[in-house]
Amino acid sequence: MSRVCKLTGKRPMSGNSISHAHNKNRRRQLPNLQWKRVWVPELGRSVRLRLSTRALRTIDRKGLIRFLKDEGKQLRDVLPPRAHARNVSI
């Protein structure tokens, strides 16, 4: 499973872990991703998405559809593949 936020596109970053003796070891900084059911009033149902916590805060403020519109995406772009069988026209 890829560690990518469906809405914002946040991905793991890489960097160095530096010890007191200044030894450098490569490490990964993973985004804080959560599975969340988000209610979509336009569809009359909820959808399950893998989101970063930053995206969750933005959805709380703006709403899912407005956030998608600002990002230039549609709902079908962020839904899991099995949900495409349902009619999603937003």
PDB file of N, CA and C in Angstrom:
ATOM      1  N   MET A   1       0.838  -1.170   0.000  1.00  0.00           N
ATOM      2  CA  MET A   1       0.000   0.000   0.000  1.00  0.00           C
ATOM      3  C   MET A   1       0.886   1.237   0.000  1.00  0.00           C
ATOM      4  N   SER A   2       0.584   2.143  -0.908  1.00  0.00           N
ATOM      5  CA  SER A   2       1.405   3.345  -0.981  1.00  0.00           C
ATOM      6  C   SER A   2       1.005   4.317   0.118  1.00  0.00           C
ATOM      7  N   ARG A   3       1.959   5.058   0.603  1.00  0.00           N
ATOM      8  CA  ARG A   3       1.712   6.022   1.670  1.00  0.00           C
ATOM      9  C   ARG A   3       1.585   7.403   1.061  1.00  0.00           C
ATOM     10  N   VAL A   4       0.462   7.633   0.391  1.00  0.00           N
ATOM     11  CA  VAL A   4       0.208   8.894  -0.290  1.00  0.00           C
ATOM     12  C   VAL A   4      -1.185   9.368   0.092  1.00  0.00           C
ATOM     13  N   CYS A   5      -1.301  10.635   0.443  1.00  0.00           N
ATOM     14  CA  CYS A   5      -2.600  11.231   0.736  1.00  0.00           C
ATOM     15  C   CYS A   5      -3.364  11.377  -0.570  1.00  0.00           C
ATOM     16  N   LYS A   6      -4.627  10.943  -0.588  1.00  0.00           N
ATOM     17  CA  LYS A   6      -5.429  10.996  -1.799  1.00  0.00           C
ATOM     18  C   LYS A   6      -5.755  12.422  -2.222  1.00  0.00           C
ATOM     19  N   LEU A   7      -5.841  13.344  -1.288  1.00  0.00           N
ATOM     20  CA  LEU A   7      -6.245  14.705  -1.621  1.00  0.00           C
ATOM     21  C   LEU A   7      -5.065  15.634  -1.855  1.00  0.00           C
ATOM     22  N   THR A   8      -4.115  15.640  -0.941  1.00  0.00           N
ATOM     23  CA  THR A   8      -3.025  16.601  -1.044  1.00  0.00           C
ATOM     24  C   THR A   8      -1.815  16.060  -1.786  1.00  0.00           C
ATOM     25  N   GLY A   9      -1.693  14.740  -1.901  1.00  0.00           N
ATOM     26  CA  GLY A   9      -0.542  14.149  -2.584  1.00  0.00           C
ATOM     27  C   GLY A   9       0.707  14.080  -1.719  1.00  0.00           C
ATOM     28  N   LYS A  10       0.561  14.287  -0.406  1.00  0.00           N
ATOM     29  CA  LYS A  10       1.727  14.201   0.475  1.00  0.00           C
ATOM     30  C   LYS A  10       2.319  12.800   0.411  1.00  0.00           C
ATOM     31  N   ARG A  11       3.650  12.733   0.312  1.00  0.00           N
ATOM     32  CA  ARG A  11       4.377  11.467   0.193  1.00  0.00           C
ATOM     33  C   ARG A  11       5.461  11.405   1.251  1.00  0.00           C
ATOM     34  N   PRO A  12       6.068  10.235   1.455  1.00  0.00           N
ATOM     35  CA  PRO A  12       7.199  10.167   2.383  1.00  0.00           C
ATOM     36  C   PRO A  12       8.366  11.019   1.899  1.00  0.00           C
ATOM     37  N   MET A  13       9.047  11.638   2.847  1.00  0.00           N
ATOM     38  CA  MET A  13      10.249  12.408   2.534  1.00  0.00           C
ATOM     39  C   MET A  13      11.447  11.638   3.067  1.00  0.00           C
ATOM     40  N   SER A  14      12.619  11.927   2.516  1.00  0.00           N
ATOM     41  CA  SER A  14      13.828  11.274   3.015  1.00  0.00           C
ATOM     42  C   SER A  14      14.777  12.335   3.535  1.00  0.00           C
ATOM     43  N   GLY A  15      15.580  11.932   4.481  1.00  0.00           N
ATOM     44  CA  GLY A  15      16.537  12.850   5.068  1.00  0.00           C
ATOM     45  C   GLY A  15      17.567  12.062   5.853  1.00  0.00           C
ATOM     46  N   ASN A  16      18.312  12.763   6.672  1.00  0.00           N
ATOM     47  CA  ASN A  16      19.345  12.126   7.481  1.00  0.00           C
ATOM     48  C   ASN A  16      18.964  12.154   8.948  1.00  0.00           C
ATOM     49  N   SER A  17      19.266  11.070   9.633  1.00  0.00           N
ATOM     50  CA  SER A  17      19.198  11.012  11.074  1.00  0.00           C
ATOM     51  C   SER A  17      20.624  11.246  11.565  1.00  0.00           C
ATOM     52  N   ILE A  18      20.834  12.306  12.298  1.00  0.00           N
ATOM     53  CA  ILE A  18      22.204  12.696  12.673  1.00  0.00           C
ATOM     54  C   ILE A  18      22.411  12.457  14.164  1.00  0.00           C
ATOM     55  N   SER A  19      23.442  11.690  14.498  1.00  0.00           N
ATOM     56  CA  SER A  19      23.741  11.382  15.893  1.00  0.00           C
ATOM     57  C   SER A  19      24.542  12.524  16.521  1.00  0.00           C
ATOM     58  N   HIS A  20      24.805  12.398  17.799  1.00  0.00           N
ATOM     59  CA  HIS A  20      25.587  13.405  18.503  1.00  0.00           C
ATOM     60  C   HIS A  20      27.004  13.512  17.931  1.00  0.00           C
ATOM     61  N   ALA A  21      27.540  12.373  17.455  1.00  0.00           N
ATOM     62  CA  ALA A  21      28.875  12.358  16.849  1.00  0.00           C
ATOM     63  C   ALA A  21      28.822  12.773  15.376  1.00  0.00           C
ATOM     64  N   HIS A  22      27.662  13.224  14.915  1.00  0.00           N
ATOM     65  CA  HIS A  22      27.437  13.710  13.566  1.00  0.00           C
ATOM     66  C   HIS A  22      27.550  12.603  12.522  1.00  0.00           C
ATOM     67  N   ASN A  23      27.210  11.370  12.928  1.00  0.00           N
ATOM     68  CA  ASN A  23      27.103  10.281  11.961  1.00  0.00           C
ATOM     69  C   ASN A  23      25.738  10.402  11.288  1.00  0.00           C
ATOM     70  N   LYS A  24      25.724  10.223   9.971  1.00  0.00           N
ATOM     71  CA  LYS A  24      24.480  10.404   9.221  1.00  0.00           C
ATOM     72  C   LYS A  24      23.969   9.059   8.732  1.00  0.00           C
ATOM     73  N   ASN A  25      22.694   8.803   8.993  1.00  0.00           N
ATOM     74  CA  ASN A  25      22.006   7.609   8.514  1.00  0.00           C
ATOM     75  C   ASN A  25      20.745   8.055   7.793  1.00  0.00           C
ATOM     76  N   ARG A  26      20.480   7.445   6.638  1.00  0.00           N
ATOM     77  CA  ARG A  26      19.285   7.806   5.879  1.00  0.00           C
ATOM     78  C   ARG A  26      18.042   7.332   6.618  1.00  0.00           C
ATOM     79  N   ARG A  27      16.993   8.144   6.566  1.00  0.00           N
ATOM     80  CA  ARG A  27      15.734   7.780   7.203  1.00  0.00           C
ATOM     81  C   ARG A  27      14.586   8.294   6.359  1.00  0.00           C
ATOM     82  N   ARG A  28      13.400   7.779   6.615  1.00  0.00           N
ATOM     83  CA  ARG A  28      12.188   8.221   5.929  1.00  0.00           C
ATOM     84  C   ARG A  28      11.282   8.909   6.927  1.00  0.00           C
ATOM     85  N   GLN A  29      10.710  10.006   6.513  1.00  0.00           N
ATOM     86  CA  GLN A  29       9.710  10.699   7.325  1.00  0.00           C
ATOM     87  C   GLN A  29       8.369  10.463   6.656  1.00  0.00           C
ATOM     88  N   LEU A  30       7.510   9.674   7.306  1.00  0.00           N
ATOM     89  CA  LEU A  30       6.242   9.289   6.716  1.00  0.00           C
ATOM     90  C   LEU A  30       5.165  10.316   7.050  1.00  0.00           C
ATOM     91  N   PRO A  31       4.245  10.568   6.123  1.00  0.00           N
ATOM     92  CA  PRO A  31       3.137  11.464   6.427  1.00  0.00           C
ATOM     93  C   PRO A  31       2.169  10.791   7.392  1.00  0.00           C
ATOM     94  N   ASN A  32       1.452  11.592   8.164  1.00  0.00           N
ATOM     95  CA  ASN A  32       0.493  11.066   9.126  1.00  0.00           C
ATOM     96  C   ASN A  32      -0.818  10.787   8.395  1.00  0.00           C
ATOM     97  N   LEU A  33      -0.947   9.553   7.881  1.00  0.00           N
ATOM     98  CA  LEU A  33      -2.125   9.175   7.102  1.00  0.00           C
ATOM     99  C   LEU A  33      -3.098   8.388   7.958  1.00  0.00           C
ATOM    100  N   GLN A  34      -4.374   8.652   7.758  1.00  0.00           N
ATOM    101  CA  GLN A  34      -5.442   7.989   8.496  1.00  0.00           C
ATOM    102  C   GLN A  34      -6.528   7.563   7.517  1.00  0.00           C
ATOM    103  N   TRP A  35      -7.156   6.425   7.795  1.00  0.00           N
ATOM    104  CA  TRP A  35      -8.364   6.046   7.057  1.00  0.00           C
ATOM    105  C   TRP A  35      -9.529   6.781   7.693  1.00  0.00           C
ATOM    106  N   LYS A  36     -10.322   7.448   6.887  1.00  0.00           N
ATOM    107  CA  LYS A  36     -11.420   8.245   7.423  1.00  0.00           C
ATOM    108  C   LYS A  36     -12.628   8.138   6.513  1.00  0.00           C
ATOM    109  N   ARG A  37     -13.818   8.000   7.126  1.00  0.00           N
ATOM    110  CA  ARG A  37     -15.070   8.033   6.378  1.00  0.00           C
ATOM    111  C   ARG A  37     -15.544   9.475   6.357  1.00  0.00           C
ATOM    112  N   VAL A  38     -15.702  10.021   5.163  1.00  0.00           N
ATOM    113  CA  VAL A  38     -16.090  11.416   4.993  1.00  0.00           C
ATOM    114  C   VAL A  38     -17.480  11.440   4.379  1.00  0.00           C
ATOM    115  N   TRP A  39     -18.404  12.165   5.004  1.00  0.00           N
ATOM    116  CA  TRP A  39     -19.770  12.268   4.504  1.00  0.00           C
ATOM    117  C   TRP A  39     -19.810  13.257   3.339  1.00  0.00           C
ATOM    118  N   VAL A  40     -20.439  12.819   2.247  1.00  0.00           N
ATOM    119  CA  VAL A  40     -20.592  13.675   1.066  1.00  0.00           C
ATOM    120  C   VAL A  40     -22.081  13.929   0.871  1.00  0.00           C
ATOM    121  N   PRO A  41     -22.575  15.115   1.241  1.00  0.00           N
ATOM    122  CA  PRO A  41     -24.010  15.373   1.136  1.00  0.00           C
ATOM    123  C   PRO A  41     -24.523  15.330  -0.302  1.00  0.00           C
ATOM    124  N   GLU A  42     -23.679  15.663  -1.281  1.00  0.00           N
ATOM    125  CA  GLU A  42     -24.107  15.643  -2.676  1.00  0.00           C
ATOM    126  C   GLU A  42     -24.428  14.225  -3.154  1.00  0.00           C
ATOM    127  N   LEU A  43     -23.747  13.239  -2.595  1.00  0.00           N
ATOM    128  CA  LEU A  43     -24.002  11.844  -2.946  1.00  0.00           C
ATOM    129  C   LEU A  43     -24.986  11.179  -1.999  1.00  0.00           C
ATOM    130  N   GLY A  44     -25.145  11.762  -0.818  1.00  0.00           N
ATOM    131  CA  GLY A  44     -26.022  11.159   0.178  1.00  0.00           C
ATOM    132  C   GLY A  44     -25.413   9.950   0.862  1.00  0.00           C
ATOM    133  N   ARG A  45     -24.103   9.840   0.846  1.00  0.00           N
ATOM    134  CA  ARG A  45     -23.432   8.712   1.502  1.00  0.00           C
ATOM    135  C   ARG A  45     -22.028   9.141   1.904  1.00  0.00           C
ATOM    136  N   SER A  46     -21.353   8.276   2.628  1.00  0.00           N
ATOM    137  CA  SER A  46     -19.984   8.569   3.032  1.00  0.00           C
ATOM    138  C   SER A  46     -19.018   7.779   2.161  1.00  0.00           C
ATOM    139  N   VAL A  47     -17.818   8.292   2.025  1.00  0.00           N
ATOM    140  CA  VAL A  47     -16.763   7.610   1.279  1.00  0.00           C
ATOM    141  C   VAL A  47     -15.568   7.431   2.212  1.00  0.00           C
ATOM    142  N   ARG A  48     -14.842   6.338   2.016  1.00  0.00           N
ATOM    143  CA  ARG A  48     -13.701   6.025   2.862  1.00  0.00           C
ATOM    144  C   ARG A  48     -12.432   6.396   2.111  1.00  0.00           C
ATOM    145  N   LEU A  49     -11.641   7.285   2.706  1.00  0.00           N
ATOM    146  CA  LEU A  49     -10.439   7.798   2.046  1.00  0.00           C
ATOM    147  C   LEU A  49      -9.241   7.679   2.972  1.00  0.00           C
ATOM    148  N   ARG A  50      -8.056   7.599   2.382  1.00  0.00           N
ATOM    149  CA  ARG A  50      -6.802   7.611   3.155  1.00  0.00           C
ATOM    150  C   ARG A  50      -6.240   9.015   3.042  1.00  0.00           C
ATOM    151  N   LEU A  51      -6.317   9.767   4.144  1.00  0.00           N
ATOM    152  CA  LEU A  51      -6.005  11.183   4.137  1.00  0.00           C
ATOM    153  C   LEU A  51      -4.928  11.517   5.142  1.00  0.00           C
ATOM    154  N   SER A  52      -4.206  12.588   4.860  1.00  0.00           N
ATOM    155  CA  SER A  52      -3.298  13.137   5.857  1.00  0.00           C
ATOM    156  C   SER A  52      -4.116  13.945   6.855  1.00  0.00           C
ATOM    157  N   THR A  53      -3.577  14.137   8.039  1.00  0.00           N
ATOM    158  CA  THR A  53      -4.312  14.884   9.050  1.00  0.00           C
ATOM    159  C   THR A  53      -4.456  16.347   8.649  1.00  0.00           C
ATOM    160  N   ARG A  54      -3.537  16.870   7.861  1.00  0.00           N
ATOM    161  CA  ARG A  54      -3.667  18.235   7.339  1.00  0.00           C
ATOM    162  C   ARG A  54      -4.877  18.322   6.406  1.00  0.00           C
ATOM    163  N   ALA A  55      -5.089  17.314   5.569  1.00  0.00           N
ATOM    164  CA  ALA A  55      -6.247  17.304   4.677  1.00  0.00           C
ATOM    165  C   ALA A  55      -7.545  17.201   5.470  1.00  0.00           C
ATOM    166  N   LEU A  56      -7.525  16.425   6.574  1.00  0.00           N
ATOM    167  CA  LEU A  56      -8.722  16.314   7.417  1.00  0.00           C
ATOM    168  C   LEU A  56      -9.108  17.663   8.012  1.00  0.00           C
ATOM    169  N   ARG A  57      -8.117  18.425   8.445  1.00  0.00           N
ATOM    170  CA  ARG A  57      -8.407  19.749   9.010  1.00  0.00           C
ATOM    171  C   ARG A  57      -8.978  20.679   7.950  1.00  0.00           C
ATOM    172  N   THR A  58      -8.450  20.577   6.738  1.00  0.00           N
ATOM    173  CA  THR A  58      -8.939  21.430   5.665  1.00  0.00           C
ATOM    174  C   THR A  58     -10.360  21.041   5.271  1.00  0.00           C
ATOM    175  N   ILE A  59     -10.664  19.742   5.266  1.00  0.00           N
ATOM    176  CA  ILE A  59     -12.023  19.282   4.970  1.00  0.00           C
ATOM    177  C   ILE A  59     -12.991  19.780   6.030  1.00  0.00           C
ATOM    178  N   ASP A  60     -12.583  19.781   7.284  1.00  0.00           N
ATOM    179  CA  ASP A  60     -13.441  20.310   8.349  1.00  0.00           C
ATOM    180  C   ASP A  60     -13.768  21.782   8.120  1.00  0.00           C
ATOM    181  N   ARG A  61     -12.811  22.519   7.572  1.00  0.00           N
ATOM    182  CA  ARG A  61     -12.999  23.944   7.369  1.00  0.00           C
ATOM    183  C   ARG A  61     -13.798  24.242   6.099  1.00  0.00           C
ATOM    184  N   LYS A  62     -13.395  23.613   4.963  1.00  0.00           N
ATOM    185  CA  LYS A  62     -13.988  23.933   3.673  1.00  0.00           C
ATOM    186  C   LYS A  62     -15.118  23.000   3.255  1.00  0.00           C
ATOM    187  N   GLY A  63     -14.988  21.738   3.569  1.00  0.00           N
ATOM    188  CA  GLY A  63     -15.878  20.706   3.028  1.00  0.00           C
ATOM    189  C   GLY A  63     -15.143  19.970   1.917  1.00  0.00           C
ATOM    190  N   LEU A  64     -15.546  18.731   1.677  1.00  0.00           N
ATOM    191  CA  LEU A  64     -14.808  17.877   0.742  1.00  0.00           C
ATOM    192  C   LEU A  64     -14.917  18.371  -0.691  1.00  0.00           C
ATOM    193  N   ILE A  65     -16.106  18.681  -1.156  1.00  0.00           N
ATOM    194  CA  ILE A  65     -16.285  19.051  -2.556  1.00  0.00           C
ATOM    195  C   ILE A  65     -15.566  20.359  -2.871  1.00  0.00           C
ATOM    196  N   ARG A  66     -15.654  21.341  -1.973  1.00  0.00           N
ATOM    197  CA  ARG A  66     -14.974  22.616  -2.212  1.00  0.00           C
ATOM    198  C   ARG A  66     -13.455  22.445  -2.198  1.00  0.00           C
ATOM    199  N   PHE A  67     -12.960  21.592  -1.294  1.00  0.00           N
ATOM    200  CA  PHE A  67     -11.522  21.314  -1.240  1.00  0.00           C
ATOM    201  C   PHE A  67     -11.055  20.664  -2.541  1.00  0.00           C
ATOM    202  N   LEU A  68     -11.827  19.702  -3.049  1.00  0.00           N
ATOM    203  CA  LEU A  68     -11.476  19.057  -4.312  1.00  0.00           C
ATOM    204  C   LEU A  68     -11.479  20.063  -5.459  1.00  0.00           C
ATOM    205  N   LYS A  69     -12.468  20.949  -5.460  1.00  0.00           N
ATOM    206  CA  LYS A  69     -12.560  21.955  -6.522  1.00  0.00           C
ATOM    207  C   LYS A  69     -11.353  22.889  -6.492  1.00  0.00           C
ATOM    208  N   ASP A  70     -10.932  23.295  -5.293  1.00  0.00           N
ATOM    209  CA  ASP A  70      -9.761  24.165  -5.171  1.00  0.00           C
ATOM    210  C   ASP A  70      -8.478  23.469  -5.628  1.00  0.00           C
ATOM    211  N   GLU A  71      -8.401  22.161  -5.432  1.00  0.00           N
ATOM    212  CA  GLU A  71      -7.221  21.389  -5.844  1.00  0.00           C
ATOM    213  C   GLU A  71      -7.267  21.007  -7.322  1.00  0.00           C
ATOM    214  N   GLY A  72      -8.392  21.245  -7.988  1.00  0.00           N
ATOM    215  CA  GLY A  72      -8.529  20.886  -9.396  1.00  0.00           C
ATOM    216  C   GLY A  72      -8.781  19.412  -9.606  1.00  0.00           C
ATOM    217  N   LYS A  73      -9.408  18.764  -8.645  1.00  0.00           N
ATOM    218  CA  LYS A  73      -9.696  17.333  -8.732  1.00  0.00           C
ATOM    219  C   LYS A  73     -11.186  17.113  -8.677  1.00  0.00           C
ATOM    220  N   GLN A  74     -11.603  15.880  -9.017  1.00  0.00           N
ATOM    221  CA  GLN A  74     -12.986  15.472  -8.885  1.00  0.00           C
ATOM    222  C   GLN A  74     -13.069  14.333  -7.900  1.00  0.00           C
ATOM    223  N   LEU A  75     -14.276  14.031  -7.456  1.00  0.00           N
ATOM    224  CA  LEU A  75     -14.451  12.986  -6.454  1.00  0.00           C
ATOM    225  C   LEU A  75     -13.994  11.639  -6.988  1.00  0.00           C
ATOM    226  N   ARG A  76     -14.209  11.375  -8.270  1.00  0.00           N
ATOM    227  CA  ARG A  76     -13.812  10.073  -8.819  1.00  0.00           C
ATOM    228  C   ARG A  76     -12.285   9.910  -8.845  1.00  0.00           C
ATOM    229  N   ASP A  77     -11.543  11.020  -8.793  1.00  0.00           N
ATOM    230  CA  ASP A  77     -10.078  10.937  -8.773  1.00  0.00           C
ATOM    231  C   ASP A  77      -9.542  10.404  -7.451  1.00  0.00           C
ATOM    232  N   VAL A  78     -10.279  10.598  -6.364  1.00  0.00           N
ATOM    233  CA  VAL A  78      -9.768  10.217  -5.053  1.00  0.00           C
ATOM    234  C   VAL A  78     -10.447   8.981  -4.482  1.00  0.00           C
ATOM    235  N   LEU A  79     -11.499   8.492  -5.130  1.00  0.00           N
ATOM    236  CA  LEU A  79     -12.174   7.297  -4.629  1.00  0.00           C
ATOM    237  C   LEU A  79     -11.358   6.058  -4.937  1.00  0.00           C
ATOM    238  N   PRO A  80     -11.496   5.011  -4.107  1.00  0.00           N
ATOM    239  CA  PRO A  80     -10.824   3.750  -4.416  1.00  0.00           C
ATOM    240  C   PRO A  80     -11.389   3.153  -5.710  1.00  0.00           C
ATOM    241  N   PRO A  81     -10.635   2.303  -6.412  1.00  0.00           N
ATOM    242  CA  PRO A  81     -11.075   1.780  -7.714  1.00  0.00           C
ATOM    243  C   PRO A  81     -12.410   1.036  -7.671  1.00  0.00           C
ATOM    244  N   ARG A  82     -12.697   0.339  -6.604  1.00  0.00           N
ATOM    245  CA  ARG A  82     -13.951  -0.429  -6.551  1.00  0.00           C
ATOM    246  C   ARG A  82     -15.169   0.470  -6.450  1.00  0.00           C
ATOM    247  N   ALA A  83     -14.986   1.704  -6.030  1.00  0.00           N
ATOM    248  CA  ALA A  83     -16.117   2.621  -5.912  1.00  0.00           C
ATOM    249  C   ALA A  83     -16.473   3.240  -7.261  1.00  0.00           C
ATOM    250  N   HIS A  84     -15.632   3.057  -8.287  1.00  0.00           N
ATOM    251  CA  HIS A  84     -15.927   3.627  -9.597  1.00  0.00           C
ATOM    252  C   HIS A  84     -17.096   2.928 -10.265  1.00  0.00           C
ATOM    253  N   ALA A  85     -17.437   1.722  -9.803  1.00  0.00           N
ATOM    254  CA  ALA A  85     -18.567   1.004 -10.402  1.00  0.00           C
ATOM    255  C   ALA A  85     -19.872   1.750 -10.122  1.00  0.00           C
ATOM    256  N   ARG A  86     -19.937   2.458  -9.005  1.00  0.00           N
ATOM    257  CA  ARG A  86     -21.119   3.266  -8.702  1.00  0.00           C
ATOM    258  C   ARG A  86     -21.088   4.527  -9.542  1.00  0.00           C
ATOM    259  N   ASN A  87     -22.243   5.095  -9.775  1.00  0.00           N
ATOM    260  CA  ASN A  87     -22.316   6.318 -10.563  1.00  0.00           C
ATOM    261  C   ASN A  87     -21.911   7.506  -9.700  1.00  0.00           C
ATOM    262  N   VAL A  88     -20.784   8.094 -10.009  1.00  0.00           N
ATOM    263  CA  VAL A  88     -20.292   9.273  -9.298  1.00  0.00           C
ATOM    264  C   VAL A  88     -20.107  10.360 -10.347  1.00  0.00           C
ATOM    265  N   SER A  89     -20.951  11.378 -10.288  1.00  0.00           N
ATOM    266  CA  SER A  89     -20.904  12.404 -11.320  1.00  0.00           C
ATOM    267  C   SER A  89     -20.372  13.734 -10.811  1.00  0.00           C
ATOM    268  N   ILE A  90     -19.876  13.780  -9.582  1.00  0.00           N
ATOM    269  CA  ILE A  90     -19.384  15.046  -9.037  1.00  0.00           C
ATOM    270  C   ILE A  90     -17.887  15.137  -9.255  1.00  0.00           C
TER     271      ILE A  90
END
